[in-house]
PDB file of N, CA and C in Angstrom:
ATOM      1  N   VAL A   1     105.417 105.248  88.494  1.00  0.00           N
ATOM      2  CA  VAL A   1     105.088 106.360  89.693  1.00  0.00           C
ATOM      3  C   VAL A   1     105.445 105.987  90.555  1.00  0.00           C
ATOM      4  N   GLN A   2     106.006 105.869  91.353  1.00  0.00           N
ATOM      5  CA  GLN A   2     106.077 105.044  92.976  1.00  0.00           C
ATOM      6  C   GLN A   2     105.872 105.668  94.261  1.00  0.00           C
ATOM      7  N   LEU A   3     105.768 105.472  95.104  1.00  0.00           N
ATOM      8  CA  LEU A   3     105.140 105.634  96.404  1.00  0.00           C
ATOM      9  C   LEU A   3     105.993 104.958  97.361  1.00  0.00           C
ATOM     10  N   GLN A   4     107.284 105.951  98.077  1.00  0.00           N
ATOM     11  CA  GLN A   4     108.136 105.138  98.865  1.00  0.00           C
ATOM     12  C   GLN A   4     108.090 105.445  99.868  1.00  0.00           C
ATOM     13  N   ALA A   5     107.665 104.474 101.232  1.00  0.00           N
ATOM     14  CA  ALA A   5     106.864 105.439 102.523  1.00  0.00           C
ATOM     15  C   ALA A   5     108.472 105.026 103.627  1.00  0.00           C
ATOM     16  N   SER A   6     108.800 105.574 104.244  1.00  0.00           N
ATOM     17  CA  SER A   6     109.548 104.828 105.020  1.00  0.00           C
ATOM     18  C   SER A   6     109.239 106.129 106.542  1.00  0.00           C
ATOM     19  N   GLY A   7     109.859 105.964 107.566  1.00  0.00           N
ATOM     20  CA  GLY A   7     109.970 106.033 108.781  1.00  0.00           C
ATOM     21  C   GLY A   7     108.913 104.671 109.993  1.00  0.00           C
ATOM     22  N   GLY A   8     107.968 105.868 110.460  1.00  0.00           N
ATOM     23  CA  GLY A   8     107.145 104.208 111.632  1.00  0.00           C
ATOM     24  C   GLY A   8     108.611 103.902 112.555  1.00  0.00           C
ATOM     25  N   GLY A   9     107.833 102.884 113.026  1.00  0.00           N
ATOM     26  CA  GLY A   9     108.118 102.234 114.508  1.00  0.00           C
ATOM     27  C   GLY A   9     107.895 101.874 115.463  1.00  0.00           C
ATOM     28  N   LEU A  10     108.757 101.893 116.514  1.00  0.00           N
ATOM     29  CA  LEU A  10     107.319 101.296 117.915  1.00  0.00           C
ATOM     30  C   LEU A  10     107.926 102.590 119.185  1.00  0.00           C
ATOM     31  N   VAL A  11     106.590 103.083 119.601  1.00  0.00           N
ATOM     32  CA  VAL A  11     106.849 103.933 120.479  1.00  0.00           C
ATOM     33  C   VAL A  11     105.595 103.853 121.815  1.00  0.00           C
ATOM     34  N   GLN A  12     105.975 104.698 122.388  1.00  0.00           N
ATOM     35  CA  GLN A  12     105.265 104.227 123.852  1.00  0.00           C
ATOM     36  C   GLN A  12     104.226 105.446 123.736  1.00  0.00           C
ATOM     37  N   ALA A  13     103.072 105.106 124.765  1.00  0.00           N
ATOM     38  CA  ALA A  13     101.927 106.006 123.873  1.00  0.00           C
ATOM     39  C   ALA A  13     102.331 107.158 124.905  1.00  0.00           C
ATOM     40  N   GLY A  14     101.627 107.968 123.950  1.00  0.00           N
ATOM     41  CA  GLY A  14     102.097 109.813 124.246  1.00  0.00           C
ATOM     42  C   GLY A  14     103.315 109.830 123.906  1.00  0.00           C
ATOM     43  N   GLY A  15     103.625 109.273 122.755  1.00  0.00           N
ATOM     44  CA  GLY A  15     105.309 109.536 122.475  1.00  0.00           C
ATOM     45  C   GLY A  15     105.001 110.683 120.953  1.00  0.00           C
ATOM     46  N   SER A  16     105.794 110.845 119.837  1.00  0.00           N
ATOM     47  CA  SER A  16     105.687 111.487 118.738  1.00  0.00           C
ATOM     48  C   SER A  16     106.109 110.686 117.422  1.00  0.00           C
ATOM     49  N   LEU A  17     106.127 110.217 116.315  1.00  0.00           N
ATOM     50  CA  LEU A  17     106.519 109.483 114.986  1.00  0.00           C
ATOM     51  C   LEU A  17     106.302 110.417 114.227  1.00  0.00           C
ATOM     52  N   SER A  18     107.002 110.728 113.387  1.00  0.00           N
ATOM     53  CA  SER A  18     106.425 110.965 111.722  1.00  0.00           C
ATOM     54  C   SER A  18     107.136 110.043 110.823  1.00  0.00           C
ATOM     55  N   VAL A  19     106.341 109.996 109.160  1.00  0.00           N
ATOM     56  CA  VAL A  19     106.539 109.251 108.488  1.00  0.00           C
ATOM     57  C   VAL A  19     106.187 109.640 107.621  1.00  0.00           C
ATOM     58  N   SER A  20     107.195 109.751 106.274  1.00  0.00           N
ATOM     59  CA  SER A  20     107.121 110.342 104.944  1.00  0.00           C
ATOM     60  C   SER A  20     107.013 109.641 104.117  1.00  0.00           C
ATOM     61  N   CYS A  21     106.516 109.921 102.819  1.00  0.00           N
ATOM     62  CA  CYS A  21     106.053 109.376 101.662  1.00  0.00           C
ATOM     63  C   CYS A  21     106.885 109.823 100.505  1.00  0.00           C
ATOM     64  N   GLU A  22     107.880 109.621  99.516  1.00  0.00           N
ATOM     65  CA  GLU A  22     108.101 110.377  98.525  1.00  0.00           C
ATOM     66  C   GLU A  22     108.005 109.861  96.817  1.00  0.00           C
ATOM     67  N   VAL A  23     107.494 110.161  96.119  1.00  0.00           N
ATOM     68  CA  VAL A  23     106.312 110.250  95.030  1.00  0.00           C
ATOM     69  C   VAL A  23     107.642 110.163  94.794  1.00  0.00           C
ATOM     70  N   SER A  24     108.203 109.121  92.836  1.00  0.00           N
ATOM     71  CA  SER A  24     109.162 108.527  92.225  1.00  0.00           C
ATOM     72  C   SER A  24     108.740 108.606  90.410  1.00  0.00           C
ATOM     73  N   GLY A  25     109.426 109.143  90.018  1.00  0.00           N
ATOM     74  CA  GLY A  25     109.003 108.093  89.092  1.00  0.00           C
ATOM     75  C   GLY A  25     108.900 109.457  87.465  1.00  0.00           C
ATOM     76  N   ARG A  26     107.568 108.784  86.226  1.00  0.00           N
ATOM     77  CA  ARG A  26     107.654 110.235  85.369  1.00  0.00           C
ATOM     78  C   ARG A  26     106.547 111.332  86.555  1.00  0.00           C
ATOM     79  N   THR A  27     107.425 112.470  85.533  1.00  0.00           N
ATOM     80  CA  THR A  27     106.282 113.484  85.337  1.00  0.00           C
ATOM     81  C   THR A  27     105.096 113.498  86.881  1.00  0.00           C
ATOM     82  N   PHE A  28     104.741 113.620  87.917  1.00  0.00           N
ATOM     83  CA  PHE A  28     103.388 113.690  88.736  1.00  0.00           C
ATOM     84  C   PHE A  28     103.101 114.839  89.475  1.00  0.00           C
ATOM     85  N   SER A  29     102.240 115.053  89.020  1.00  0.00           N
ATOM     86  CA  SER A  29     102.154 116.027  90.236  1.00  0.00           C
ATOM     87  C   SER A  29     100.673 115.956  90.703  1.00  0.00           C
ATOM     88  N   PRO A  30     100.400 115.525  91.764  1.00  0.00           N
ATOM     89  CA  PRO A  30     100.068 114.841  92.587  1.00  0.00           C
ATOM     90  C   PRO A  30      98.676 115.952  93.149  1.00  0.00           C
ATOM     91  N   TYR A  31      97.216 114.953  93.114  1.00  0.00           N
ATOM     92  CA  TYR A  31      96.432 116.090  93.439  1.00  0.00           C
ATOM     93  C   TYR A  31      95.624 116.123  94.638  1.00  0.00           C
ATOM     94  N   VAL A  32      95.364 114.728  95.437  1.00  0.00           N
ATOM     95  CA  VAL A  32      95.631 114.536  95.839  1.00  0.00           C
ATOM     96  C   VAL A  32      96.469 113.577  96.657  1.00  0.00           C
ATOM     97  N   MET A  33      96.965 113.302  98.001  1.00  0.00           N
ATOM     98  CA  MET A  33      97.715 112.790  98.434  1.00  0.00           C
ATOM     99  C   MET A  33      97.371 112.430 100.038  1.00  0.00           C
ATOM    100  N   ALA A  34      97.249 110.804 100.083  1.00  0.00           N
ATOM    101  CA  ALA A  34      96.752 110.713 102.480  1.00  0.00           C
ATOM    102  C   ALA A  34      97.986 110.127 102.315  1.00  0.00           C
ATOM    103  N   TRP A  35      97.012 108.908 104.088  1.00  0.00           N
ATOM    104  CA  TRP A  35      97.600 107.938 104.621  1.00  0.00           C
ATOM    105  C   TRP A  35      96.463 107.947 105.009  1.00  0.00           C
ATOM    106  N   PHE A  36      96.439 106.399 104.876  1.00  0.00           N
ATOM    107  CA  PHE A  36      95.978 105.309 105.378  1.00  0.00           C
ATOM    108  C   PHE A  36      96.148 104.086 106.191  1.00  0.00           C
ATOM    109  N   ARG A  37      94.990 103.923 106.988  1.00  0.00           N
ATOM    110  CA  ARG A  37      96.109 102.380 108.038  1.00  0.00           C
ATOM    111  C   ARG A  37      95.245 101.125 108.434  1.00  0.00           C
ATOM    112  N   GLN A  38      95.970 100.225 108.396  1.00  0.00           N
ATOM    113  CA  GLN A  38      95.248  99.128 108.271  1.00  0.00           C
ATOM    114  C   GLN A  38      95.473  98.512 109.686  1.00  0.00           C
ATOM    115  N   THR A  39      94.873  97.366 109.885  1.00  0.00           N
ATOM    116  CA  THR A  39      95.164  96.561 111.079  1.00  0.00           C
ATOM    117  C   THR A  39      95.064  95.593 110.639  1.00  0.00           C
ATOM    118  N   PRO A  40      95.741  94.013 111.343  1.00  0.00           N
ATOM    119  CA  PRO A  40      94.909  92.673 110.696  1.00  0.00           C
ATOM    120  C   PRO A  40      93.333  92.327 110.777  1.00  0.00           C
ATOM    121  N   GLY A  41      92.574  92.149 109.747  1.00  0.00           N
ATOM    122  CA  GLY A  41      90.830  92.088 109.907  1.00  0.00           C
ATOM    123  C   GLY A  41      90.124  93.072 109.473  1.00  0.00           C
ATOM    124  N   LYS A  42      90.856  94.443 108.984  1.00  0.00           N
ATOM    125  CA  LYS A  42      90.409  95.058 109.146  1.00  0.00           C
ATOM    126  C   LYS A  42      90.044  95.959 107.644  1.00  0.00           C
ATOM    127  N   GLU A  43      89.267  96.866 107.672  1.00  0.00           N
ATOM    128  CA  GLU A  43      90.256  97.721 106.120  1.00  0.00           C
ATOM    129  C   GLU A  43      90.419  98.725 106.462  1.00  0.00           C
ATOM    130  N   ARG A  44      91.077  99.369 105.119  1.00  0.00           N
ATOM    131  CA  ARG A  44      91.942 100.020 105.009  1.00  0.00           C
ATOM    132  C   ARG A  44      91.070 101.529 105.606  1.00  0.00           C
ATOM    133  N   GLU A  45      91.451 102.571 106.744  1.00  0.00           N
ATOM    134  CA  GLU A  45      90.986 103.002 107.058  1.00  0.00           C
ATOM    135  C   GLU A  45      91.653 104.394 107.325  1.00  0.00           C
ATOM    136  N   PHE A  46      90.633 105.553 106.621  1.00  0.00           N
ATOM    137  CA  PHE A  46      91.339 107.131 105.992  1.00  0.00           C
ATOM    138  C   PHE A  46      92.168 108.022 107.230  1.00  0.00           C
ATOM    139  N   VAL A  47      93.029 108.403 106.959  1.00  0.00           N
ATOM    140  CA  VAL A  47      93.145 108.516 108.593  1.00  0.00           C
ATOM    141  C   VAL A  47      93.546 110.694 108.176  1.00  0.00           C
ATOM    142  N   ALA A  48      94.170 110.771 107.099  1.00  0.00           N
ATOM    143  CA  ALA A  48      94.811 112.556 106.727  1.00  0.00           C
ATOM    144  C   ALA A  48      94.821 112.405 105.254  1.00  0.00           C
ATOM    145  N   ALA A  49      94.234 113.799 105.094  1.00  0.00           N
ATOM    146  CA  ALA A  49      94.343 114.007 102.922  1.00  0.00           C
ATOM    147  C   ALA A  49      94.848 115.122 103.686  1.00  0.00           C
ATOM    148  N   TRP A  50      95.895 115.648 101.797  1.00  0.00           N
ATOM    149  CA  TRP A  50      96.211 116.537 100.962  1.00  0.00           C
ATOM    150  C   TRP A  50      95.850 117.361  99.900  1.00  0.00           C
ATOM    151  N   LYS A  51      94.970 118.346  99.555  1.00  0.00           N
ATOM    152  CA  LYS A  51      94.630 118.135  98.600  1.00  0.00           C
ATOM    153  C   LYS A  51      95.298 119.871  98.123  1.00  0.00           C
ATOM    154  N   ARG A  52      95.821 119.844  96.286  1.00  0.00           N
ATOM    155  CA  ARG A  52      96.816 120.405  95.748  1.00  0.00           C
ATOM    156  C   ARG A  52      95.700 121.740  95.572  1.00  0.00           C
ATOM    157  N   ALA A  53      94.601 122.094  95.601  1.00  0.00           N
ATOM    158  CA  ALA A  53      94.068 122.696  95.549  1.00  0.00           C
ATOM    159  C   ALA A  53      94.089 123.351  96.811  1.00  0.00           C
ATOM    160  N   GLY A  54      93.888 124.796  96.749  1.00  0.00           N
ATOM    161  CA  GLY A  54      93.844 125.879  98.069  1.00  0.00           C
ATOM    162  C   GLY A  54      94.778 125.207  99.375  1.00  0.00           C
ATOM    163  N   ARG A  55      95.762 123.939  98.826  1.00  0.00           N
ATOM    164  CA  ARG A  55      96.307 123.187  99.968  1.00  0.00           C
ATOM    165  C   ARG A  55      95.413 122.772 101.018  1.00  0.00           C
ATOM    166  N   ASN A  56      94.282 122.580 100.724  1.00  0.00           N
ATOM    167  CA  ASN A  56      94.049 121.795 102.095  1.00  0.00           C
ATOM    168  C   ASN A  56      93.689 120.565 102.697  1.00  0.00           C
ATOM    169  N   THR A  57      93.673 120.413 104.276  1.00  0.00           N
ATOM    170  CA  THR A  57      94.159 119.979 104.631  1.00  0.00           C
ATOM    171  C   THR A  57      92.745 118.830 105.322  1.00  0.00           C
ATOM    172  N   TYR A  58      92.535 117.450 105.925  1.00  0.00           N
ATOM    173  CA  TYR A  58      91.673 117.263 105.898  1.00  0.00           C
ATOM    174  C   TYR A  58      92.015 115.481 106.945  1.00  0.00           C
ATOM    175  N   TYR A  59      91.328 115.035 107.756  1.00  0.00           N
ATOM    176  CA  TYR A  59      91.400 114.285 108.839  1.00  0.00           C
ATOM    177  C   TYR A  59      89.930 113.870 109.310  1.00  0.00           C
ATOM    178  N   ALA A  60      90.385 111.981 109.779  1.00  0.00           N
ATOM    179  CA  ALA A  60      90.067 111.243 110.414  1.00  0.00           C
ATOM    180  C   ALA A  60      89.673 111.982 111.876  1.00  0.00           C
ATOM    181  N   ASP A  61      88.385 111.975 112.147  1.00  0.00           N
ATOM    182  CA  ASP A  61      88.095 112.526 113.575  1.00  0.00           C
ATOM    183  C   ASP A  61      88.933 111.863 115.111  1.00  0.00           C
ATOM    184  N   SER A  62      89.599 110.524 115.116  1.00  0.00           N
ATOM    185  CA  SER A  62      89.978 109.749 115.562  1.00  0.00           C
ATOM    186  C   SER A  62      91.477 110.610 115.514  1.00  0.00           C
ATOM    187  N   VAL A  63      92.282 111.295 114.858  1.00  0.00           N
ATOM    188  CA  VAL A  63      93.231 111.632 114.674  1.00  0.00           C
ATOM    189  C   VAL A  63      93.558 113.050 114.567  1.00  0.00           C
ATOM    190  N   LYS A  64      92.602 114.012 114.301  1.00  0.00           N
ATOM    191  CA  LYS A  64      91.752 115.453 114.280  1.00  0.00           C
ATOM    192  C   LYS A  64      92.845 115.988 115.755  1.00  0.00           C
ATOM    193  N   GLY A  65      93.550 117.121 115.712  1.00  0.00           N
ATOM    194  CA  GLY A  65      94.522 117.713 116.868  1.00  0.00           C
ATOM    195  C   GLY A  65      96.071 117.035 117.002  1.00  0.00           C
ATOM    196  N   ARG A  66      95.761 115.425 116.702  1.00  0.00           N
ATOM    197  CA  ARG A  66      97.327 114.957 116.782  1.00  0.00           C
ATOM    198  C   ARG A  66      98.348 115.082 115.829  1.00  0.00           C
ATOM    199  N   PHE A  67      97.245 114.657 114.927  1.00  0.00           N
ATOM    200  CA  PHE A  67      98.035 113.932 113.692  1.00  0.00           C
ATOM    201  C   PHE A  67      98.116 115.757 112.759  1.00  0.00           C
ATOM    202  N   THR A  68      99.227 115.916 111.815  1.00  0.00           N
ATOM    203  CA  THR A  68      99.351 117.041 110.303  1.00  0.00           C
ATOM    204  C   THR A  68      99.775 116.163 109.864  1.00  0.00           C
ATOM    205  N   ILE A  69      99.557 116.189 108.384  1.00  0.00           N
ATOM    206  CA  ILE A  69      99.670 115.912 106.930  1.00  0.00           C
ATOM    207  C   ILE A  69     100.514 117.458 106.415  1.00  0.00           C
ATOM    208  N   SER A  70     101.757 116.877 105.569  1.00  0.00           N
ATOM    209  CA  SER A  70     102.013 118.452 105.148  1.00  0.00           C
ATOM    210  C   SER A  70     102.811 117.673 103.529  1.00  0.00           C
ATOM    211  N   ARG A  71     103.279 118.584 102.946  1.00  0.00           N
ATOM    212  CA  ARG A  71     103.734 118.324 102.046  1.00  0.00           C
ATOM    213  C   ARG A  71     104.682 119.140 101.383  1.00  0.00           C
ATOM    214  N   ASP A  72     105.776 118.324 100.838  1.00  0.00           N
ATOM    215  CA  ASP A  72     107.105 119.578 100.510  1.00  0.00           C
ATOM    216  C   ASP A  72     107.118 119.309  98.911  1.00  0.00           C
ATOM    217  N   ASN A  73     106.522 120.480  98.664  1.00  0.00           N
ATOM    218  CA  ASN A  73     106.647 120.331  96.847  1.00  0.00           C
ATOM    219  C   ASN A  73     107.694 119.791  96.115  1.00  0.00           C
ATOM    220  N   ALA A  74     109.457 120.325  96.020  1.00  0.00           N
ATOM    221  CA  ALA A  74     110.055 120.741  96.126  1.00  0.00           C
ATOM    222  C   ALA A  74     110.893 119.188  96.234  1.00  0.00           C
ATOM    223  N   LYS A  75     110.029 118.457  97.436  1.00  0.00           N
ATOM    224  CA  LYS A  75     110.687 117.018  97.254  1.00  0.00           C
ATOM    225  C   LYS A  75     109.601 116.064  96.577  1.00  0.00           C
ATOM    226  N   ASN A  76     108.796 116.287  95.859  1.00  0.00           N
ATOM    227  CA  ASN A  76     107.620 115.537  95.885  1.00  0.00           C
ATOM    228  C   ASN A  76     107.198 114.864  97.217  1.00  0.00           C
ATOM    229  N   THR A  77     106.757 115.205  98.267  1.00  0.00           N
ATOM    230  CA  THR A  77     107.103 114.051  99.419  1.00  0.00           C
ATOM    231  C   THR A  77     105.738 114.923 100.769  1.00  0.00           C
ATOM    232  N   VAL A  78     105.308 113.934 100.886  1.00  0.00           N
ATOM    233  CA  VAL A  78     103.918 114.272 101.744  1.00  0.00           C
ATOM    234  C   VAL A  78     104.178 113.422 103.260  1.00  0.00           C
ATOM    235  N   TYR A  79     104.368 113.699 104.624  1.00  0.00           N
ATOM    236  CA  TYR A  79     104.712 113.699 105.628  1.00  0.00           C
ATOM    237  C   TYR A  79     103.712 113.585 106.384  1.00  0.00           C
ATOM    238  N   LEU A  80     103.313 112.373 107.741  1.00  0.00           N
ATOM    239  CA  LEU A  80     102.686 112.844 108.444  1.00  0.00           C
ATOM    240  C   LEU A  80     103.113 112.706 109.890  1.00  0.00           C
ATOM    241  N   GLN A  81     102.780 113.395 110.568  1.00  0.00           N
ATOM    242  CA  GLN A  81     103.725 113.846 111.949  1.00  0.00           C
ATOM    243  C   GLN A  81     102.514 113.178 112.921  1.00  0.00           C
ATOM    244  N   MET A  82     102.672 112.481 113.762  1.00  0.00           N
ATOM    245  CA  MET A  82     102.070 111.812 114.556  1.00  0.00           C
ATOM    246  C   MET A  82     102.393 112.241 115.881  1.00  0.00           C
ATOM    247  N   ASN A  83     101.430 112.840 117.187  1.00  0.00           N
ATOM    248  CA  ASN A  83     102.180 113.309 118.270  1.00  0.00           C
ATOM    249  C   ASN A  83     100.867 112.764 119.178  1.00  0.00           C
ATOM    250  N   SER A  84     100.969 112.445 120.249  1.00  0.00           N
ATOM    251  CA  SER A  84     100.354 112.059 121.589  1.00  0.00           C
ATOM    252  C   SER A  84      99.968 110.552 120.850  1.00  0.00           C
ATOM    253  N   LEU A  85      99.997 109.846 120.567  1.00  0.00           N
ATOM    254  CA  LEU A  85     100.225 108.537 119.832  1.00  0.00           C
ATOM    255  C   LEU A  85      99.311 107.932 121.207  1.00  0.00           C
ATOM    256  N   LYS A  86      98.931 106.844 120.802  1.00  0.00           N
ATOM    257  CA  LYS A  86      97.759 105.720 121.109  1.00  0.00           C
ATOM    258  C   LYS A  86      97.956 104.502 121.050  1.00  0.00           C
ATOM    259  N   PRO A  87      97.779 103.407 120.760  1.00  0.00           N
ATOM    260  CA  PRO A  87      98.349 102.013 121.327  1.00  0.00           C
ATOM    261  C   PRO A  87      96.780 101.740 120.341  1.00  0.00           C
ATOM    262  N   GLU A  88      95.808 102.279 119.684  1.00  0.00           N
ATOM    263  CA  GLU A  88      95.091 101.877 118.915  1.00  0.00           C
ATOM    264  C   GLU A  88      95.188 102.765 117.660  1.00  0.00           C
ATOM    265  N   ASP A  89      96.476 103.428 117.640  1.00  0.00           N
ATOM    266  CA  ASP A  89      97.237 104.087 116.338  1.00  0.00           C
ATOM    267  C   ASP A  89      98.277 102.893 115.437  1.00  0.00           C
ATOM    268  N   THR A  90      98.241 102.204 116.753  1.00  0.00           N
ATOM    269  CA  THR A  90      99.562 100.936 115.777  1.00  0.00           C
ATOM    270  C   THR A  90      98.711 100.361 115.015  1.00  0.00           C
ATOM    271  N   ALA A  91      99.218 100.509 113.961  1.00  0.00           N
ATOM    272  CA  ALA A  91      98.704  99.564 112.227  1.00  0.00           C
ATOM    273  C   ALA A  91     100.113  99.569 111.447  1.00  0.00           C
ATOM    274  N   VAL A  92      99.471  99.276 109.764  1.00  0.00           N
ATOM    275  CA  VAL A  92     100.306 100.324 109.042  1.00  0.00           C
ATOM    276  C   VAL A  92      99.887 100.780 108.420  1.00  0.00           C
ATOM    277  N   TYR A  93     101.036 101.410 107.926  1.00  0.00           N
ATOM    278  CA  TYR A  93     100.522 103.234 107.717  1.00  0.00           C
ATOM    279  C   TYR A  93     101.001 102.939 106.216  1.00  0.00           C
ATOM    280  N   TYR A  94      99.705 103.515 104.862  1.00  0.00           N
ATOM    281  CA  TYR A  94     100.103 103.541 104.285  1.00  0.00           C
ATOM    282  C   TYR A  94      99.567 105.074 103.235  1.00  0.00           C
ATOM    283  N   CYS A  95     100.223 105.216 102.403  1.00  0.00           N
ATOM    284  CA  CYS A  95     100.393 106.577 101.704  1.00  0.00           C
ATOM    285  C   CYS A  95      99.230 106.599 100.299  1.00  0.00           C
ATOM    286  N   ALA A  96      98.718 107.332  99.401  1.00  0.00           N
ATOM    287  CA  ALA A  96      98.652 106.736  98.653  1.00  0.00           C
ATOM    288  C   ALA A  96      98.309 108.361  97.842  1.00  0.00           C
ATOM    289  N   ALA A  97      98.346 108.425  96.568  1.00  0.00           N
ATOM    290  CA  ALA A  97      98.117 109.716  95.831  1.00  0.00           C
ATOM    291  C   ALA A  97      97.561 109.156  94.865  1.00  0.00           C
ATOM    292  N   ASP A  98      97.091 110.520  94.061  1.00  0.00           N
ATOM    293  CA  ASP A  98      96.119 110.821  92.272  1.00  0.00           C
ATOM    294  C   ASP A  98      96.108 111.955  92.098  1.00  0.00           C
ATOM    295  N   ALA A  99      96.063 111.706  91.103  1.00  0.00           N
ATOM    296  CA  ALA A  99      96.271 113.389  89.963  1.00  0.00           C
ATOM    297  C   ALA A  99      95.012 113.742  89.215  1.00  0.00           C
ATOM    298  N   ARG A 100      93.852 113.431  90.010  1.00  0.00           N
ATOM    299  CA  ARG A 100      92.288 113.610  88.944  1.00  0.00           C
ATOM    300  C   ARG A 100      91.515 114.614  90.590  1.00  0.00           C
ATOM    301  N   PRO A 101      91.356 115.367  89.678  1.00  0.00           N
ATOM    302  CA  PRO A 101      90.909 116.291  90.300  1.00  0.00           C
ATOM    303  C   PRO A 101      89.274 116.511  90.206  1.00  0.00           C
ATOM    304  N   ASP A 102      88.862 115.703  89.005  1.00  0.00           N
ATOM    305  CA  ASP A 102      87.333 115.718  89.431  1.00  0.00           C
ATOM    306  C   ASP A 102      86.871 114.218  89.882  1.00  0.00           C
ATOM    307  N   THR A 103      87.793 113.485  90.983  1.00  0.00           N
ATOM    308  CA  THR A 103      86.861 112.841  92.209  1.00  0.00           C
ATOM    309  C   THR A 103      87.865 112.871  93.142  1.00  0.00           C
ATOM    310  N   ALA A 104      88.125 114.202  93.486  1.00  0.00           N
ATOM    311  CA  ALA A 104      88.929 114.698  94.596  1.00  0.00           C
ATOM    312  C   ALA A 104      88.011 115.020  96.466  1.00  0.00           C
ATOM    313  N   ALA A 105      86.869 114.614  95.836  1.00  0.00           N
ATOM    314  CA  ALA A 105      85.606 114.758  97.244  1.00  0.00           C
ATOM    315  C   ALA A 105      85.891 112.755  97.647  1.00  0.00           C
ATOM    316  N   TYR A 106      86.342 112.221  97.295  1.00  0.00           N
ATOM    317  CA  TYR A 106      85.914 110.551  97.517  1.00  0.00           C
ATOM    318  C   TYR A 106      87.397 110.653  97.957  1.00  0.00           C
ATOM    319  N   TYR A 107      87.800 111.818  98.722  1.00  0.00           N
ATOM    320  CA  TYR A 107      89.593 111.865  99.547  1.00  0.00           C
ATOM    321  C   TYR A 107      89.546 110.540 100.286  1.00  0.00           C
ATOM    322  N   TYR A 108      88.648 110.422 100.687  1.00  0.00           N
ATOM    323  CA  TYR A 108      88.226 109.585 101.925  1.00  0.00           C
ATOM    324  C   TYR A 108      88.771 108.055 101.776  1.00  0.00           C
ATOM    325  N   GLN A 109      88.435 108.021 100.730  1.00  0.00           N
ATOM    326  CA  GLN A 109      88.059 106.323  99.871  1.00  0.00           C
ATOM    327  C   GLN A 109      89.232 105.636  99.673  1.00  0.00           C
ATOM    328  N   PRO A 110      89.641 104.431 100.079  1.00  0.00           N
ATOM    329  CA  PRO A 110      90.791 103.977  99.402  1.00  0.00           C
ATOM    330  C   PRO A 110      90.490 103.883  97.723  1.00  0.00           C
ATOM    331  N   ARG A 111      89.401 103.625  97.201  1.00  0.00           N
ATOM    332  CA  ARG A 111      89.543 102.825  96.212  1.00  0.00           C
ATOM    333  C   ARG A 111      89.516 104.149  94.977  1.00  0.00           C
ATOM    334  N   PHE A 112      89.461 105.315  95.839  1.00  0.00           N
ATOM    335  CA  PHE A 112      89.642 106.771  94.776  1.00  0.00           C
ATOM    336  C   PHE A 112      91.158 106.638  94.214  1.00  0.00           C
ATOM    337  N   TYR A 113      92.191 105.835  94.866  1.00  0.00           N
ATOM    338  CA  TYR A 113      93.291 106.406  94.469  1.00  0.00           C
ATOM    339  C   TYR A 113      93.795 105.430  93.847  1.00  0.00           C
ATOM    340  N   THR A 114      95.179 106.175  92.515  1.00  0.00           N
ATOM    341  CA  THR A 114      95.661 104.844  92.037  1.00  0.00           C
ATOM    342  C   THR A 114      96.474 104.310  92.268  1.00  0.00           C
ATOM    343  N   TYR A 115      97.670 105.159  93.181  1.00  0.00           N
ATOM    344  CA  TYR A 115      98.873 104.938  93.287  1.00  0.00           C
ATOM    345  C   TYR A 115      98.858 104.846  94.816  1.00  0.00           C
ATOM    346  N   TRP A 116      99.900 103.922  95.074  1.00  0.00           N
ATOM    347  CA  TRP A 116      99.883 103.256  96.880  1.00  0.00           C
ATOM    348  C   TRP A 116     101.387 103.206  96.801  1.00  0.00           C
ATOM    349  N   GLY A 117     101.824 103.326  97.887  1.00  0.00           N
ATOM    350  CA  GLY A 117     102.954 102.848  98.483  1.00  0.00           C
ATOM    351  C   GLY A 117     103.342 102.100  99.604  1.00  0.00           C
ATOM    352  N   GLN A 118     104.224 101.188 100.211  1.00  0.00           N
ATOM    353  CA  GLN A 118     104.445  99.660 100.238  1.00  0.00           C
ATOM    354  C   GLN A 118     104.006  99.950 101.832  1.00  0.00           C
ATOM    355  N   GLY A 119     103.525 100.552 103.138  1.00  0.00           N
ATOM    356  CA  GLY A 119     103.145 100.183 103.821  1.00  0.00           C
ATOM    357  C   GLY A 119     104.315 100.318 105.188  1.00  0.00           C
ATOM    358  N   THR A 120     104.198 101.017 105.764  1.00  0.00           N
ATOM    359  CA  THR A 120     105.058 100.642 107.365  1.00  0.00           C
ATOM    360  C   THR A 120     104.670 100.587 108.047  1.00  0.00           C
ATOM    361  N   GLN A 121     105.247 100.067 109.338  1.00  0.00           N
ATOM    362  CA  GLN A 121     104.400  99.453 110.949  1.00  0.00           C
ATOM    363  C   GLN A 121     104.599 100.723 111.596  1.00  0.00           C
ATOM    364  N   VAL A 122     103.576 101.043 111.800  1.00  0.00           N
ATOM    365  CA  VAL A 122     103.284 101.751 113.705  1.00  0.00           C
ATOM    366  C   VAL A 122     103.122 100.871 114.546  1.00  0.00           C
ATOM    367  N   THR A 123     104.227 101.007 115.693  1.00  0.00           N
ATOM    368  CA  THR A 123     103.418 100.106 116.969  1.00  0.00           C
ATOM    369  C   THR A 123     103.452 100.874 117.896  1.00  0.00           C
ATOM    370  N   VAL A 124     102.320 101.545 118.898  1.00  0.00           N
ATOM    371  CA  VAL A 124     102.510 102.251 120.344  1.00  0.00           C
ATOM    372  C   VAL A 124     102.393 101.154 121.296  1.00  0.00           C
ATOM    373  N   SER A 125     103.349 101.368 122.305  1.00  0.00           N
ATOM    374  CA  SER A 125     103.250 100.460 123.330  1.00  0.00           C
ATOM    375  C   SER A 125     102.344 101.097 124.813  1.00  0.00           C
ATOM    376  N   SER A 126     101.609 100.076 125.395  1.00  0.00           N
ATOM    377  CA  SER A 126     100.835 101.084 126.161  1.00  0.00           C
ATOM    378  C   SER A 126     101.337 101.090 127.405  1.00  0.00           C
TER     379      SER A 126
END
């Protein structure tokens, strides 16, 4: 199973960016997919998650109302649309996936996830 993240880049504050994460490899049906972000010297931070059951979505308070996570089942890809970006959103963004429903309550914790993408840089200039 591989997660390939793409998108990101440089944008001015107030602008928008979209990142995507495609799941490939053996037949894999993730129960939860999520985005985390990390800046140098800090721990990986939860951003947003999507759960297969009920197609529920969850967001960190810092991005609620600005970011939207979505999933295209046909393409086995999860997206993160980021609007009204702020300089503090600058980070390396990582996608993550896991197939276990019994631990899905811990979707906001990085250690819950089995599979990770390689990360993509998002830089927001002021």
